[in-house]
Amino acid sequence: MKEKRVFENIAKLIKQRRRSLSPKVSQQGLSYRLGYKNGQFISNIERGLCSVPLRSLNSICDVLKVSKEELRETLLKDYAETIDNYFAEAEGEQEESSQRVSSDNGKEIKRNFEFASNYVV
């Protein structure tokens, strides 16, 4: 099943911008610059496992030289894809439910027919 939450766009943006900094900055170095003690934080973002905390948005813009508009659009794109995934999953569940009901109704009709045919002379 496809992962519902999407962080791919922010992952690409963070990774691309970090790598384009001069001098080069490691994931750990970027974490420290953003006020985090663990380099795993940036690794998780760049692998698309999570998004950036909202409290970090201004720091990300400053450190990675990203405009607020670009960062906003990137986050909204991930959010829109996440919403689409939830809608698609709900539609799939409704379709499965509808198919089960249809199948159950067919079985019920068959049982009723078999029951009634036992009493028809």
PDB file of N, CA and C in Angstrom:
ATOM      1  N   MET A   1       0.829  -1.167   0.000  1.00  0.00           N
ATOM      2  CA  MET A   1       0.000   0.000   0.000  1.00  0.00           C
ATOM      3  C   MET A   1       0.885   1.245   0.000  1.00  0.00           C
ATOM      4  N   LYS A   2       0.445   2.249  -0.697  1.00  0.00           N
ATOM      5  CA  LYS A   2       1.189   3.500  -0.791  1.00  0.00           C
ATOM      6  C   LYS A   2       1.130   4.244   0.541  1.00  0.00           C
ATOM      7  N   GLU A   3       2.268   4.811   0.913  1.00  0.00           N
ATOM      8  CA  GLU A   3       2.303   5.608   2.140  1.00  0.00           C
ATOM      9  C   GLU A   3       1.397   6.819   1.968  1.00  0.00           C
ATOM     10  N   LYS A   4       0.572   7.098   2.958  1.00  0.00           N
ATOM     11  CA  LYS A   4      -0.383   8.192   2.853  1.00  0.00           C
ATOM     12  C   LYS A   4       0.271   9.561   3.028  1.00  0.00           C
ATOM     13  N   ARG A   5       1.144   9.679   4.010  1.00  0.00           N
ATOM     14  CA  ARG A   5       1.781  10.976   4.274  1.00  0.00           C
ATOM     15  C   ARG A   5       2.903  11.197   3.260  1.00  0.00           C
ATOM     16  N   VAL A   6       2.969  12.387   2.698  1.00  0.00           N
ATOM     17  CA  VAL A   6       3.959  12.703   1.673  1.00  0.00           C
ATOM     18  C   VAL A   6       4.879  13.814   2.175  1.00  0.00           C
ATOM     19  N   PHE A   7       6.189  13.548   2.076  1.00  0.00           N
ATOM     20  CA  PHE A   7       7.198  14.540   2.446  1.00  0.00           C
ATOM     21  C   PHE A   7       8.272  14.644   1.359  1.00  0.00           C
ATOM     22  N   GLU A   8       7.984  14.121   0.177  1.00  0.00           N
ATOM     23  CA  GLU A   8       8.989  14.042  -0.882  1.00  0.00           C
ATOM     24  C   GLU A   8       9.473  15.411  -1.348  1.00  0.00           C
ATOM     25  N   ASN A   9       8.569  16.350  -1.483  1.00  0.00           N
ATOM     26  CA  ASN A   9       8.953  17.660  -2.025  1.00  0.00           C
ATOM     27  C   ASN A   9       9.844  18.439  -1.066  1.00  0.00           C
ATOM     28  N   ILE A  10       9.500  18.431   0.213  1.00  0.00           N
ATOM     29  CA  ILE A  10      10.343  19.124   1.189  1.00  0.00           C
ATOM     30  C   ILE A  10      11.684  18.400   1.326  1.00  0.00           C
ATOM     31  N   ALA A  11      11.674  17.076   1.200  1.00  0.00           N
ATOM     32  CA  ALA A  11      12.918  16.306   1.275  1.00  0.00           C
ATOM     33  C   ALA A  11      13.869  16.726   0.162  1.00  0.00           C
ATOM     34  N   LYS A  12      13.356  16.826  -1.056  1.00  0.00           N
ATOM     35  CA  LYS A  12      14.193  17.229  -2.194  1.00  0.00           C
ATOM     36  C   LYS A  12      14.724  18.649  -2.021  1.00  0.00           C
ATOM     37  N   LEU A  13      13.861  19.539  -1.590  1.00  0.00           N
ATOM     38  CA  LEU A  13      14.277  20.935  -1.427  1.00  0.00           C
ATOM     39  C   LEU A  13      15.386  21.066  -0.382  1.00  0.00           C
ATOM     40  N   ILE A  14      15.202  20.452   0.773  1.00  0.00           N
ATOM     41  CA  ILE A  14      16.204  20.550   1.856  1.00  0.00           C
ATOM     42  C   ILE A  14      17.530  19.956   1.407  1.00  0.00           C
ATOM     43  N   LYS A  15      17.471  18.781   0.798  1.00  0.00           N
ATOM     44  CA  LYS A  15      18.704  18.108   0.363  1.00  0.00           C
ATOM     45  C   LYS A  15      19.427  18.929  -0.709  1.00  0.00           C
ATOM     46  N   GLN A  16      18.670  19.407  -1.685  1.00  0.00           N
ATOM     47  CA  GLN A  16      19.265  20.199  -2.764  1.00  0.00           C
ATOM     48  C   GLN A  16      19.904  21.470  -2.221  1.00  0.00           C
ATOM     49  N   ARG A  17      19.198  22.178  -1.377  1.00  0.00           N
ATOM     50  CA  ARG A  17      19.726  23.432  -0.844  1.00  0.00           C
ATOM     51  C   ARG A  17      20.917  23.205   0.074  1.00  0.00           C
ATOM     52  N   ARG A  18      20.864  22.164   0.891  1.00  0.00           N
ATOM     53  CA  ARG A  18      21.999  21.880   1.784  1.00  0.00           C
ATOM     54  C   ARG A  18      23.245  21.588   0.969  1.00  0.00           C
ATOM     55  N   ARG A  19      23.094  20.793  -0.088  1.00  0.00           N
ATOM     56  CA  ARG A  19      24.247  20.412  -0.914  1.00  0.00           C
ATOM     57  C   ARG A  19      24.799  21.579  -1.728  1.00  0.00           C
ATOM     58  N   SER A  20      23.951  22.572  -1.984  1.00  0.00           N
ATOM     59  CA  SER A  20      24.406  23.701  -2.797  1.00  0.00           C
ATOM     60  C   SER A  20      25.070  24.802  -1.963  1.00  0.00           C
ATOM     61  N   LEU A  21      25.032  24.668  -0.631  1.00  0.00           N
ATOM     62  CA  LEU A  21      25.667  25.673   0.224  1.00  0.00           C
ATOM     63  C   LEU A  21      27.177  25.660   0.025  1.00  0.00           C
ATOM     64  N   SER A  22      27.754  26.835   0.117  1.00  0.00           N
ATOM     65  CA  SER A  22      29.202  26.931   0.018  1.00  0.00           C
ATOM     66  C   SER A  22      29.695  27.717   1.229  1.00  0.00           C
ATOM     67  N   PRO A  23      30.542  27.180   2.046  1.00  0.00           N
ATOM     68  CA  PRO A  23      31.101  25.839   1.950  1.00  0.00           C
ATOM     69  C   PRO A  23      30.056  24.761   2.243  1.00  0.00           C
ATOM     70  N   LYS A  24      30.383  23.549   1.829  1.00  0.00           N
ATOM     71  CA  LYS A  24      29.468  22.416   2.014  1.00  0.00           C
ATOM     72  C   LYS A  24      29.104  22.242   3.481  1.00  0.00           C
ATOM     73  N   VAL A  25      27.856  21.812   3.705  1.00  0.00           N
ATOM     74  CA  VAL A  25      27.375  21.604   5.070  1.00  0.00           C
ATOM     75  C   VAL A  25      26.840  20.177   5.178  1.00  0.00           C
ATOM     76  N   SER A  26      27.266  19.468   6.211  1.00  0.00           N
ATOM     77  CA  SER A  26      26.775  18.106   6.453  1.00  0.00           C
ATOM     78  C   SER A  26      25.365  18.150   7.040  1.00  0.00           C
ATOM     79  N   GLN A  27      24.735  17.003   7.086  1.00  0.00           N
ATOM     80  CA  GLN A  27      23.418  16.920   7.719  1.00  0.00           C
ATOM     81  C   GLN A  27      23.524  17.344   9.183  1.00  0.00           C
ATOM     82  N   GLN A  28      24.562  16.875   9.846  1.00  0.00           N
ATOM     83  CA  GLN A  28      24.756  17.235  11.246  1.00  0.00           C
ATOM     84  C   GLN A  28      25.000  18.734  11.388  1.00  0.00           C
ATOM     85  N   GLY A  29      25.798  19.290  10.498  1.00  0.00           N
ATOM     86  CA  GLY A  29      26.073  20.721  10.539  1.00  0.00           C
ATOM     87  C   GLY A  29      24.807  21.543  10.338  1.00  0.00           C
ATOM     88  N   LEU A  30      23.961  21.103   9.425  1.00  0.00           N
ATOM     89  CA  LEU A  30      22.696  21.800   9.206  1.00  0.00           C
ATOM     90  C   LEU A  30      21.793  21.675  10.425  1.00  0.00           C
ATOM     91  N   SER A  31      21.774  20.505  11.029  1.00  0.00           N
ATOM     92  CA  SER A  31      20.979  20.316  12.250  1.00  0.00           C
ATOM     93  C   SER A  31      21.402  21.317  13.323  1.00  0.00           C
ATOM     94  N   TYR A  32      22.705  21.441  13.528  1.00  0.00           N
ATOM     95  CA  TYR A  32      23.208  22.368  14.534  1.00  0.00           C
ATOM     96  C   TYR A  32      22.816  23.804  14.198  1.00  0.00           C
ATOM     97  N   ARG A  33      22.956  24.177  12.927  1.00  0.00           N
ATOM     98  CA  ARG A  33      22.605  25.543  12.511  1.00  0.00           C
ATOM     99  C   ARG A  33      21.119  25.847  12.729  1.00  0.00           C
ATOM    100  N   LEU A  34      20.295  24.794  12.661  1.00  0.00           N
ATOM    101  CA  LEU A  34      18.852  24.978  12.866  1.00  0.00           C
ATOM    102  C   LEU A  34      18.453  24.834  14.328  1.00  0.00           C
ATOM    103  N   GLY A  35      19.444  24.560  15.189  1.00  0.00           N
ATOM    104  CA  GLY A  35      19.171  24.482  16.623  1.00  0.00           C
ATOM    105  C   GLY A  35      18.866  23.088  17.129  1.00  0.00           C
ATOM    106  N   TYR A  36      19.197  22.074  16.353  1.00  0.00           N
ATOM    107  CA  TYR A  36      18.976  20.694  16.779  1.00  0.00           C
ATOM    108  C   TYR A  36      20.320  20.035  17.057  1.00  0.00           C
ATOM    109  N   LYS A  37      20.337  19.123  17.988  1.00  0.00           N
ATOM    110  CA  LYS A  37      21.590  18.509  18.406  1.00  0.00           C
ATOM    111  C   LYS A  37      21.921  17.232  17.650  1.00  0.00           C
ATOM    112  N   ASN A  38      20.955  16.673  16.947  1.00  0.00           N
ATOM    113  CA  ASN A  38      21.139  15.374  16.319  1.00  0.00           C
ATOM    114  C   ASN A  38      21.082  15.502  14.799  1.00  0.00           C
ATOM    115  N   GLY A  39      22.112  15.004  14.120  1.00  0.00           N
ATOM    116  CA  GLY A  39      22.154  15.017  12.660  1.00  0.00           C
ATOM    117  C   GLY A  39      21.121  14.116  12.027  1.00  0.00           C
ATOM    118  N   GLN A  40      20.615  13.183  12.783  1.00  0.00           N
ATOM    119  CA  GLN A  40      19.584  12.266  12.273  1.00  0.00           C
ATOM    120  C   GLN A  40      18.322  13.034  11.872  1.00  0.00           C
ATOM    121  N   PHE A  41      18.104  14.163  12.492  1.00  0.00           N
ATOM    122  CA  PHE A  41      16.947  15.007  12.200  1.00  0.00           C
ATOM    123  C   PHE A  41      16.899  15.363  10.713  1.00  0.00           C
ATOM    124  N   ILE A  42      17.992  15.856  10.171  1.00  0.00           N
ATOM    125  CA  ILE A  42      18.046  16.245   8.755  1.00  0.00           C
ATOM    126  C   ILE A  42      18.027  15.008   7.867  1.00  0.00           C
ATOM    127  N   SER A  43      18.670  13.958   8.287  1.00  0.00           N
ATOM    128  CA  SER A  43      18.636  12.709   7.522  1.00  0.00           C
ATOM    129  C   SER A  43      17.200  12.225   7.332  1.00  0.00           C
ATOM    130  N   ASN A  44      16.430  12.251   8.396  1.00  0.00           N
ATOM    131  CA  ASN A  44      15.029  11.812   8.309  1.00  0.00           C
ATOM    132  C   ASN A  44      14.218  12.696   7.365  1.00  0.00           C
ATOM    133  N   ILE A  45      14.463  13.981   7.393  1.00  0.00           N
ATOM    134  CA  ILE A  45      13.756  14.893   6.486  1.00  0.00           C
ATOM    135  C   ILE A  45      14.159  14.608   5.043  1.00  0.00           C
ATOM    136  N   GLU A  46      15.450  14.490   4.789  1.00  0.00           N
ATOM    137  CA  GLU A  46      15.935  14.279   3.428  1.00  0.00           C
ATOM    138  C   GLU A  46      15.518  12.927   2.854  1.00  0.00           C
ATOM    139  N   ARG A  47      15.242  11.967   3.693  1.00  0.00           N
ATOM    140  CA  ARG A  47      14.759  10.659   3.217  1.00  0.00           C
ATOM    141  C   ARG A  47      13.245  10.621   3.099  1.00  0.00           C
ATOM    142  N   GLY A  48      12.592  11.739   3.410  1.00  0.00           N
ATOM    143  CA  GLY A  48      11.140  11.819   3.270  1.00  0.00           C
ATOM    144  C   GLY A  48      10.375  11.105   4.360  1.00  0.00           C
ATOM    145  N   LEU A  49      11.002  10.927   5.519  1.00  0.00           N
ATOM    146  CA  LEU A  49      10.339  10.233   6.625  1.00  0.00           C
ATOM    147  C   LEU A  49       9.490  11.177   7.464  1.00  0.00           C
ATOM    148  N   CYS A  50       9.816  12.458   7.402  1.00  0.00           N
ATOM    149  CA  CYS A  50       9.070  13.454   8.168  1.00  0.00           C
ATOM    150  C   CYS A  50       9.240  14.812   7.501  1.00  0.00           C
ATOM    151  N   SER A  51       8.468  15.756   7.954  1.00  0.00           N
ATOM    152  CA  SER A  51       8.578  17.117   7.445  1.00  0.00           C
ATOM    153  C   SER A  51       9.357  17.964   8.432  1.00  0.00           C
ATOM    154  N   VAL A  52       9.503  19.215   8.099  1.00  0.00           N
ATOM    155  CA  VAL A  52      10.201  20.133   8.990  1.00  0.00           C
ATOM    156  C   VAL A  52       9.222  20.678  10.022  1.00  0.00           C
ATOM    157  N   PRO A  53       9.665  20.873  11.242  1.00  0.00           N
ATOM    158  CA  PRO A  53       8.794  21.481  12.245  1.00  0.00           C
ATOM    159  C   PRO A  53       8.475  22.926  11.862  1.00  0.00           C
ATOM    160  N   LEU A  54       7.262  23.323  12.092  1.00  0.00           N
ATOM    161  CA  LEU A  54       6.848  24.684  11.737  1.00  0.00           C
ATOM    162  C   LEU A  54       7.692  25.735  12.434  1.00  0.00           C
ATOM    163  N   ARG A  55       8.136  25.448  13.651  1.00  0.00           N
ATOM    164  CA  ARG A  55       8.940  26.435  14.381  1.00  0.00           C
ATOM    165  C   ARG A  55      10.304  26.661  13.720  1.00  0.00           C
ATOM    166  N   SER A  56      10.687  25.786  12.791  1.00  0.00           N
ATOM    167  CA  SER A  56      11.985  25.899  12.119  1.00  0.00           C
ATOM    168  C   SER A  56      11.908  26.630  10.784  1.00  0.00           C
ATOM    169  N   LEU A  57      10.738  27.015  10.350  1.00  0.00           N
ATOM    170  CA  LEU A  57      10.588  27.570   9.001  1.00  0.00           C
ATOM    171  C   LEU A  57      11.464  28.796   8.746  1.00  0.00           C
ATOM    172  N   ASN A  58      11.451  29.738   9.657  1.00  0.00           N
ATOM    173  CA  ASN A  58      12.272  30.938   9.452  1.00  0.00           C
ATOM    174  C   ASN A  58      13.760  30.614   9.424  1.00  0.00           C
ATOM    175  N   SER A  59      14.192  29.721  10.294  1.00  0.00           N
ATOM    176  CA  SER A  59      15.612  29.322  10.318  1.00  0.00           C
ATOM    177  C   SER A  59      15.991  28.618   9.022  1.00  0.00           C
ATOM    178  N   ILE A  60      15.107  27.774   8.528  1.00  0.00           N
ATOM    179  CA  ILE A  60      15.387  27.060   7.272  1.00  0.00           C
ATOM    180  C   ILE A  60      15.543  28.055   6.133  1.00  0.00           C
ATOM    181  N   CYS A  61      14.657  29.033   6.079  1.00  0.00           N
ATOM    182  CA  CYS A  61      14.761  30.064   5.033  1.00  0.00           C
ATOM    183  C   CYS A  61      16.100  30.786   5.122  1.00  0.00           C
ATOM    184  N   ASP A  62      16.493  31.162   6.327  1.00  0.00           N
ATOM    185  CA  ASP A  62      17.743  31.905   6.522  1.00  0.00           C
ATOM    186  C   ASP A  62      18.975  31.067   6.193  1.00  0.00           C
ATOM    187  N   VAL A  63      19.046  29.881   6.768  1.00  0.00           N
ATOM    188  CA  VAL A  63      20.238  29.044   6.626  1.00  0.00           C
ATOM    189  C   VAL A  63      20.388  28.501   5.206  1.00  0.00           C
ATOM    190  N   LEU A  64      19.272  28.054   4.602  1.00  0.00           N
ATOM    191  CA  LEU A  64      19.346  27.424   3.278  1.00  0.00           C
ATOM    192  C   LEU A  64      19.098  28.404   2.135  1.00  0.00           C
ATOM    193  N   LYS A  65      18.889  29.676   2.478  1.00  0.00           N
ATOM    194  CA  LYS A  65      18.647  30.712   1.467  1.00  0.00           C
ATOM    195  C   LYS A  65      17.463  30.336   0.562  1.00  0.00           C
ATOM    196  N   VAL A  66      16.372  29.977   1.212  1.00  0.00           N
ATOM    197  CA  VAL A  66      15.125  29.621   0.528  1.00  0.00           C
ATOM    198  C   VAL A  66      14.126  30.737   0.822  1.00  0.00           C
ATOM    199  N   SER A  67      13.408  31.169  -0.205  1.00  0.00           N
ATOM    200  CA  SER A  67      12.396  32.190   0.046  1.00  0.00           C
ATOM    201  C   SER A  67      11.239  31.570   0.829  1.00  0.00           C
ATOM    202  N   LYS A  68      10.579  32.405   1.588  1.00  0.00           N
ATOM    203  CA  LYS A  68       9.424  31.923   2.357  1.00  0.00           C
ATOM    204  C   LYS A  68       8.351  31.380   1.423  1.00  0.00           C
ATOM    205  N   GLU A  69       8.188  32.008   0.272  1.00  0.00           N
ATOM    206  CA  GLU A  69       7.182  31.560  -0.695  1.00  0.00           C
ATOM    207  C   GLU A  69       7.529  30.173  -1.249  1.00  0.00           C
ATOM    208  N   GLU A  70       8.796  29.950  -1.586  1.00  0.00           N
ATOM    209  CA  GLU A  70       9.200  28.644  -2.110  1.00  0.00           C
ATOM    210  C   GLU A  70       9.005  27.549  -1.060  1.00  0.00           C
ATOM    211  N   LEU A  71       9.382  27.847   0.172  1.00  0.00           N
ATOM    212  CA  LEU A  71       9.212  26.875   1.246  1.00  0.00           C
ATOM    213  C   LEU A  71       7.731  26.591   1.471  1.00  0.00           C
ATOM    214  N   ARG A  72       6.931  27.632   1.485  1.00  0.00           N
ATOM    215  CA  ARG A  72       5.482  27.489   1.668  1.00  0.00           C
ATOM    216  C   ARG A  72       4.874  26.629   0.560  1.00  0.00           C
ATOM    217  N   GLU A  73       5.218  26.923  -0.688  1.00  0.00           N
ATOM    218  CA  GLU A  73       4.672  26.168  -1.824  1.00  0.00           C
ATOM    219  C   GLU A  73       5.097  24.699  -1.775  1.00  0.00           C
ATOM    220  N   THR A  74       6.318  24.462  -1.377  1.00  0.00           N
ATOM    221  CA  THR A  74       6.821  23.083  -1.274  1.00  0.00           C
ATOM    222  C   THR A  74       6.042  22.309  -0.219  1.00  0.00           C
ATOM    223  N   LEU A  75       5.855  22.925   0.944  1.00  0.00           N
ATOM    224  CA  LEU A  75       5.105  22.260   2.016  1.00  0.00           C
ATOM    225  C   LEU A  75       3.648  22.045   1.618  1.00  0.00           C
ATOM    226  N   LEU A  76       3.051  23.013   0.954  1.00  0.00           N
ATOM    227  CA  LEU A  76       1.655  22.871   0.528  1.00  0.00           C
ATOM    228  C   LEU A  76       1.493  21.780  -0.525  1.00  0.00           C
ATOM    229  N   LYS A  77       2.484  21.622  -1.379  1.00  0.00           N
ATOM    230  CA  LYS A  77       2.441  20.551  -2.380  1.00  0.00           C
ATOM    231  C   LYS A  77       2.433  19.179  -1.692  1.00  0.00           C
ATOM    232  N   ASP A  78       3.296  19.010  -0.689  1.00  0.00           N
ATOM    233  CA  ASP A  78       3.295  17.753   0.075  1.00  0.00           C
ATOM    234  C   ASP A  78       1.952  17.540   0.769  1.00  0.00           C
ATOM    235  N   TYR A  79       1.418  18.597   1.341  1.00  0.00           N
ATOM    236  CA  TYR A  79       0.147  18.499   2.054  1.00  0.00           C
ATOM    237  C   TYR A  79      -0.986  18.131   1.096  1.00  0.00           C
ATOM    238  N   ALA A  80      -0.991  18.735  -0.096  1.00  0.00           N
ATOM    239  CA  ALA A  80      -2.021  18.425  -1.093  1.00  0.00           C
ATOM    240  C   ALA A  80      -1.933  16.960  -1.524  1.00  0.00           C
ATOM    241  N   GLU A  81      -0.725  16.451  -1.735  1.00  0.00           N
ATOM    242  CA  GLU A  81      -0.557  15.045  -2.113  1.00  0.00           C
ATOM    243  C   GLU A  81      -1.001  14.116  -0.986  1.00  0.00           C
ATOM    244  N   THR A  82      -0.729  14.511   0.243  1.00  0.00           N
ATOM    245  CA  THR A  82      -1.171  13.724   1.398  1.00  0.00           C
ATOM    246  C   THR A  82      -2.697  13.658   1.434  1.00  0.00           C
ATOM    247  N   ILE A  83      -3.349  14.791   1.250  1.00  0.00           N
ATOM    248  CA  ILE A  83      -4.816  14.819   1.253  1.00  0.00           C
ATOM    249  C   ILE A  83      -5.363  13.945   0.130  1.00  0.00           C
ATOM    250  N   ASP A  84      -4.778  14.044  -1.060  1.00  0.00           N
ATOM    251  CA  ASP A  84      -5.220  13.214  -2.185  1.00  0.00           C
ATOM    252  C   ASP A  84      -5.093  11.730  -1.856  1.00  0.00           C
ATOM    253  N   ASN A  85      -4.016  11.357  -1.180  1.00  0.00           N
ATOM    254  CA  ASN A  85      -3.830   9.956  -0.793  1.00  0.00           C
ATOM    255  C   ASN A  85      -4.913   9.492   0.179  1.00  0.00           C
ATOM    256  N   TYR A  86      -5.272  10.338   1.131  1.00  0.00           N
ATOM    257  CA  TYR A  86      -6.333   9.984   2.075  1.00  0.00           C
ATOM    258  C   TYR A  86      -7.675   9.841   1.363  1.00  0.00           C
ATOM    259  N   PHE A  87      -7.974  10.759   0.434  1.00  0.00           N
ATOM    260  CA  PHE A  87      -9.219  10.652  -0.330  1.00  0.00           C
ATOM    261  C   PHE A  87      -9.237   9.372  -1.165  1.00  0.00           C
ATOM    262  N   ALA A  88      -8.130   9.074  -1.817  1.00  0.00           N
ATOM    263  CA  ALA A  88      -8.050   7.879  -2.660  1.00  0.00           C
ATOM    264  C   ALA A  88      -8.234   6.619  -1.818  1.00  0.00           C
ATOM    265  N   GLU A  89      -7.643   6.602  -0.646  1.00  0.00           N
ATOM    266  CA  GLU A  89      -7.796   5.437   0.223  1.00  0.00           C
ATOM    267  C   GLU A  89      -9.248   5.281   0.662  1.00  0.00           C
ATOM    268  N   ALA A  90      -9.893   6.394   1.007  1.00  0.00           N
ATOM    269  CA  ALA A  90     -11.295   6.345   1.434  1.00  0.00           C
ATOM    270  C   ALA A  90     -12.182   5.863   0.296  1.00  0.00           C
ATOM    271  N   GLU A  91     -11.910   6.311  -0.930  1.00  0.00           N
ATOM    272  CA  GLU A  91     -12.687   5.861  -2.078  1.00  0.00           C
ATOM    273  C   GLU A  91     -12.500   4.366  -2.300  1.00  0.00           C
ATOM    274  N   GLY A  92     -11.261   3.889  -2.135  1.00  0.00           N
ATOM    275  CA  GLY A  92     -10.984   2.457  -2.277  1.00  0.00           C
ATOM    276  C   GLY A  92     -11.715   1.637  -1.234  1.00  0.00           C
ATOM    277  N   GLU A  93     -11.753   2.142   0.005  1.00  0.00           N
ATOM    278  CA  GLU A  93     -12.472   1.441   1.075  1.00  0.00           C
ATOM    279  C   GLU A  93     -13.969   1.416   0.803  1.00  0.00           C
ATOM    280  N   GLN A  94     -14.510   2.513   0.272  1.00  0.00           N
ATOM    281  CA  GLN A  94     -15.940   2.556  -0.058  1.00  0.00           C
ATOM    282  C   GLN A  94     -16.253   1.570  -1.161  1.00  0.00           C
ATOM    283  N   GLU A  95     -15.365   1.489  -2.158  1.00  0.00           N
ATOM    284  CA  GLU A  95     -15.577   0.558  -3.267  1.00  0.00           C
ATOM    285  C   GLU A  95     -15.545  -0.880  -2.768  1.00  0.00           C
ATOM    286  N   GLU A  96     -14.566  -1.210  -1.915  1.00  0.00           N
ATOM    287  CA  GLU A  96     -14.489  -2.557  -1.343  1.00  0.00           C
ATOM    288  C   GLU A  96     -15.735  -2.872  -0.543  1.00  0.00           C
ATOM    289  N   SER A  97     -16.192  -1.918   0.251  1.00  0.00           N
ATOM    290  CA  SER A  97     -17.389  -2.096   1.061  1.00  0.00           C
ATOM    291  C   SER A  97     -18.596  -2.331   0.172  1.00  0.00           C
ATOM    292  N   SER A  98     -18.699  -1.567  -0.894  1.00  0.00           N
ATOM    293  CA  SER A  98     -19.810  -1.706  -1.829  1.00  0.00           C
ATOM    294  C   SER A  98     -19.783  -3.076  -2.489  1.00  0.00           C
ATOM    295  N   GLN A  99     -18.589  -3.548  -2.843  1.00  0.00           N
ATOM    296  CA  GLN A  99     -18.467  -4.870  -3.456  1.00  0.00           C
ATOM    297  C   GLN A  99     -18.850  -5.960  -2.463  1.00  0.00           C
ATOM    298  N   ARG A 100     -18.466  -5.798  -1.190  1.00  0.00           N
ATOM    299  CA  ARG A 100     -18.839  -6.790  -0.170  1.00  0.00           C
ATOM    300  C   ARG A 100     -20.346  -6.823   0.014  1.00  0.00           C
ATOM    301  N   VAL A 101     -20.971  -5.653   0.067  1.00  0.00           N
ATOM    302  CA  VAL A 101     -22.419  -5.576   0.243  1.00  0.00           C
ATOM    303  C   VAL A 101     -23.108  -6.227  -0.937  1.00  0.00           C
ATOM    304  N   SER A 102     -22.625  -5.936  -2.133  1.00  0.00           N
ATOM    305  CA  SER A 102     -23.211  -6.518  -3.339  1.00  0.00           C
ATOM    306  C   SER A 102     -23.079  -8.032  -3.318  1.00  0.00           C
ATOM    307  N   SER A 103     -21.912  -8.516  -2.925  1.00  0.00           N
ATOM    308  CA  SER A 103     -21.683  -9.957  -2.828  1.00  0.00           C
ATOM    309  C   SER A 103     -22.575 -10.583  -1.764  1.00  0.00           C
ATOM    310  N   ASP A 104     -22.667  -9.923  -0.603  1.00  0.00           N
ATOM    311  CA  ASP A 104     -23.512 -10.416   0.482  1.00  0.00           C
ATOM    312  C   ASP A 104     -24.977 -10.437   0.058  1.00  0.00           C
ATOM    313  N   ASN A 105     -25.411  -9.402  -0.650  1.00  0.00           N
ATOM    314  CA  ASN A 105     -26.797  -9.358  -1.132  1.00  0.00           C
ATOM    315  C   ASN A 105     -27.067 -10.498  -2.097  1.00  0.00           C
ATOM    316  N   GLY A 106     -26.098 -10.790  -2.966  1.00  0.00           N
ATOM    317  CA  GLY A 106     -26.245 -11.898  -3.916  1.00  0.00           C
ATOM    318  C   GLY A 106     -26.384 -13.227  -3.194  1.00  0.00           C
ATOM    319  N   LYS A 107     -25.595 -13.430  -2.155  1.00  0.00           N
ATOM    320  CA  LYS A 107     -25.671 -14.671  -1.377  1.00  0.00           C
ATOM    321  C   LYS A 107     -27.011 -14.772  -0.668  1.00  0.00           C
ATOM    322  N   GLU A 108     -27.476 -13.649  -0.125  1.00  0.00           N
ATOM    323  CA  GLU A 108     -28.771 -13.619   0.570  1.00  0.00           C
ATOM    324  C   GLU A 108     -29.901 -13.951  -0.389  1.00  0.00           C
ATOM    325  N   ILE A 109     -29.870 -13.397  -1.585  1.00  0.00           N
ATOM    326  CA  ILE A 109     -30.901 -13.683  -2.587  1.00  0.00           C
ATOM    327  C   ILE A 109     -30.889 -15.158  -2.941  1.00  0.00           C
ATOM    328  N   LYS A 110     -29.698 -15.717  -3.111  1.00  0.00           N
ATOM    329  CA  LYS A 110     -29.573 -17.133  -3.446  1.00  0.00           C
ATOM    330  C   LYS A 110     -30.144 -17.999  -2.321  1.00  0.00           C
ATOM    331  N   ARG A 111     -29.829 -17.680  -1.064  1.00  0.00           N
ATOM    332  CA  ARG A 111     -30.356 -18.449   0.068  1.00  0.00           C
ATOM    333  C   ARG A 111     -31.877 -18.351   0.117  1.00  0.00           C
ATOM    334  N   ASN A 112     -32.403 -17.153  -0.097  1.00  0.00           N
ATOM    335  CA  ASN A 112     -33.858 -16.975  -0.089  1.00  0.00           C
ATOM    336  C   ASN A 112     -34.509 -17.768  -1.216  1.00  0.00           C
ATOM    337  N   PHE A 113     -33.881 -17.775  -2.375  1.00  0.00           N
ATOM    338  CA  PHE A 113     -34.426 -18.522  -3.503  1.00  0.00           C
ATOM    339  C   PHE A 113     -34.427 -20.019  -3.195  1.00  0.00           C
ATOM    340  N   GLU A 114     -33.306 -20.525  -2.653  1.00  0.00           N
ATOM    341  CA  GLU A 114     -33.220 -21.941  -2.313  1.00  0.00           C
ATOM    342  C   GLU A 114     -34.237 -22.306  -1.246  1.00  0.00           C
ATOM    343  N   PHE A 115     -34.411 -21.445  -0.266  1.00  0.00           N
ATOM    344  CA  PHE A 115     -35.389 -21.688   0.792  1.00  0.00           C
ATOM    345  C   PHE A 115     -36.792 -21.737   0.205  1.00  0.00           C
ATOM    346  N   ALA A 116     -37.122 -20.762  -0.627  1.00  0.00           N
ATOM    347  CA  ALA A 116     -38.472 -20.685  -1.210  1.00  0.00           C
ATOM    348  C   ALA A 116     -38.726 -21.848  -2.163  1.00  0.00           C
ATOM    349  N   SER A 117     -37.683 -22.289  -2.887  1.00  0.00           N
ATOM    350  CA  SER A 117     -37.902 -23.374  -3.846  1.00  0.00           C
ATOM    351  C   SER A 117     -38.207 -24.691  -3.155  1.00  0.00           C
ATOM    352  N   ASN A 118     -37.834 -24.819  -1.907  1.00  0.00           N
ATOM    353  CA  ASN A 118     -38.173 -26.029  -1.145  1.00  0.00           C
ATOM    354  C   ASN A 118     -39.670 -26.111  -0.838  1.00  0.00           C
ATOM    355  N   TYR A 119     -40.370 -24.980  -0.863  1.00  0.00           N
ATOM    356  CA  TYR A 119     -41.778 -24.949  -0.510  1.00  0.00           C
ATOM    357  C   TYR A 119     -42.687 -24.815  -1.742  1.00  0.00           C
ATOM    358  N   VAL A 120     -42.109 -24.641  -2.898  1.00  0.00           N
ATOM    359  CA  VAL A 120     -42.944 -24.525  -4.103  1.00  0.00           C
ATOM    360  C   VAL A 120     -43.272 -25.922  -4.584  1.00  0.00           C
ATOM    361  N   VAL A 121     -44.551 -26.147  -4.858  1.00  0.00           N
ATOM    362  CA  VAL A 121     -44.993 -27.475  -5.286  1.00  0.00           C
ATOM    363  C   VAL A 121     -45.032 -27.553  -6.778  1.00  0.00           C
TER     364      VAL A 121
END
